Amino acid sequence: MNRPVSCPAGEVLINEGASDTRLFVLESGTLEIRKGDKLVCEIDTPNSIIGEISVVLEERRSCSVVAQTDCSLVLVGNSINEIIDTSPRLTKLIMQELAERLVATTSSFANANDMLLKKGMNLDG
């Protein structure tokens, strides 16, 4: 199920806390990822996967996604089982993206902890 989706600037594509299992691929434009009122990051790279965490975990949305500019996306699935059954390539891309984010987060945590240790503090306790 691939269906084009347009999201005009300022529109909310995904609401934090929503029960929503849609997965998107960004074709063009810039999206803001927000946790509460805090900007987490901006995504403007074509073929970026949007909404994968909630789809894979089958949980409520952990962040909101807002179009910063007019965006074109493709809706690629409504459930992780549908995606696994119909698109092994997309399944692999989701796994790779999640793994890359985990590596980056682990590295950031280690760097922050090292900085705090130099100041006599520790994130681990």
Protein backbone atom coordinates (compact mmCIF):
# COMPACT_ATOMS: atom_id res chain seq x y z
CA MET A 1 0.00 0.00 0.00
CA ASN A 2 1.95 3.00 -1.26
CA ARG A 3 -0.08 6.19 -1.34
CA PRO A 4 1.19 9.75 -1.89
CA VAL A 5 0.51 12.20 0.95
CA SER A 6 0.87 15.99 0.90
CA CYS A 7 1.50 17.87 4.12
CA PRO A 8 1.43 21.68 3.87
CA ALA A 9 3.74 23.82 6.00
CA GLY A 10 2.50 24.06 9.58
CA GLU A 11 0.36 20.92 9.43
CA VAL A 12 0.82 18.19 12.04
CA LEU A 13 1.48 14.84 10.36
CA ILE A 14 1.81 12.83 13.59
CA ASN A 15 0.55 13.77 17.08
CA GLU A 16 2.58 12.77 20.14
CA GLY A 17 0.61 10.27 22.23
CA ALA A 18 -1.70 9.28 19.37
CA SER A 19 -2.56 5.69 18.62
CA ASP A 20 -1.40 5.73 15.01
CA THR A 21 0.44 2.99 13.13
CA ARG A 22 1.09 4.72 9.81
CA LEU A 23 4.61 4.74 8.38
CA PHE A 24 5.79 7.36 5.89
CA VAL A 25 8.76 7.96 3.62
CA LEU A 26 9.71 11.59 3.04
CA GLU A 27 10.07 12.53 -0.63
CA SER A 28 10.64 16.28 -0.26
CA GLY A 29 10.34 19.10 2.26
CA THR A 30 11.39 19.56 5.88
CA LEU A 31 9.73 18.01 8.92
CA GLU A 32 10.21 18.96 12.57
CA ILE A 33 10.27 16.22 15.19
CA ARG A 34 8.96 17.59 18.52
CA LYS A 35 8.80 16.09 22.01
CA GLY A 36 6.36 18.26 23.92
CA ASP A 37 7.33 21.82 23.06
CA LYS A 38 10.99 20.93 22.38
CA LEU A 39 12.42 20.60 18.89
CA VAL A 40 14.28 17.28 18.72
CA CYS A 41 15.48 17.49 15.13
CA GLU A 42 14.60 18.41 11.58
CA ILE A 43 14.40 15.88 8.79
CA ASP A 44 14.87 16.96 5.18
CA THR A 45 16.66 14.00 3.62
CA PRO A 46 14.63 12.32 0.88
CA ASN A 47 13.76 8.66 1.62
CA SER A 48 13.88 9.24 5.40
CA ILE A 49 11.51 6.94 7.26
CA ILE A 50 8.97 8.70 9.48
CA GLY A 51 7.01 7.02 12.28
CA GLU A 52 8.95 3.77 12.51
CA ILE A 53 9.35 3.65 16.28
CA SER A 54 5.62 3.48 16.99
CA VAL A 55 5.06 1.09 14.11
CA VAL A 56 7.75 -1.34 15.25
CA LEU A 57 6.86 -1.14 18.96
CA GLU A 58 3.10 -0.99 18.28
CA GLU A 59 2.82 1.81 20.83
CA ARG A 60 1.51 5.37 20.90
CA ARG A 61 3.49 8.05 19.10
CA SER A 62 6.53 9.19 21.09
CA CYS A 63 6.86 12.55 19.28
CA SER A 64 4.92 14.90 17.07
CA VAL A 65 5.92 15.49 13.45
CA VAL A 66 5.12 18.90 11.97
CA ALA A 67 5.73 20.08 8.41
CA GLN A 68 8.15 23.00 8.49
CA THR A 69 7.76 23.41 4.72
CA ASP A 70 5.34 21.89 2.23
CA CYS A 71 6.17 18.17 2.23
CA SER A 72 5.54 15.24 -0.06
CA LEU A 73 5.54 11.81 1.52
CA VAL A 74 4.49 8.28 0.71
CA LEU A 75 2.31 6.32 3.12
CA VAL A 76 3.89 2.86 2.98
CA GLY A 77 2.03 0.85 5.58
CA ASN A 78 -0.46 0.73 8.40
CA SER A 79 1.15 -1.99 10.52
CA ILE A 80 4.54 -3.60 11.02
CA ASN A 81 3.13 -6.96 9.91
CA GLU A 82 1.89 -5.45 6.63
CA ILE A 83 5.30 -3.89 6.02
CA ILE A 84 7.20 -7.12 6.82
CA ASP A 85 4.89 -9.17 4.58
CA THR A 86 4.94 -6.81 1.61
CA SER A 87 8.34 -5.13 1.68
CA PRO A 88 11.45 -6.92 2.94
CA ARG A 89 13.56 -4.04 1.54
CA LEU A 90 11.69 -1.45 3.61
CA THR A 91 11.86 -3.73 6.65
CA LYS A 92 15.65 -3.83 6.29
CA LEU A 93 15.81 -0.03 5.90
CA ILE A 94 13.76 0.41 9.09
CA MET A 95 16.10 -1.92 10.98
CA GLN A 96 19.16 -0.08 9.66
CA GLU A 97 17.76 3.35 10.56
CA LEU A 98 16.86 2.24 14.09
CA ALA A 99 20.30 0.68 14.55
CA GLU A 100 22.04 3.86 13.33
CA ARG A 101 20.00 5.96 15.75
CA LEU A 102 20.86 3.62 18.61
CA VAL A 103 24.57 3.86 17.80
CA ALA A 104 24.36 7.68 17.67
CA THR A 105 22.39 7.85 20.94
CA THR A 106 24.81 5.50 22.70
CA SER A 107 27.75 7.58 21.51
CA SER A 108 26.07 10.83 22.64
CA PHE A 109 25.32 9.32 26.05
CA ALA A 110 28.91 8.14 26.46
CA ASN A 111 30.29 11.55 25.44
CA ALA A 112 27.94 13.38 27.83
CA ASN A 113 28.88 11.00 30.64
CA ASP A 114 32.60 11.54 29.94
CA MET A 115 32.12 15.32 30.13
CA LEU A 116 30.22 15.03 33.41
CA LEU A 117 32.86 12.69 34.87
CA LYS A 118 35.48 15.34 34.16
CA LYS A 119 33.32 17.71 36.24
CA GLY A 120 32.93 15.14 39.03
CA MET A 121 29.39 14.01 38.07
CA ASN A 122 28.03 10.84 36.47
CA LEU A 123 24.88 10.10 34.43
CA ASP A 124 24.78 6.55 35.78
CA GLY A 125 24.07 7.63 39.32
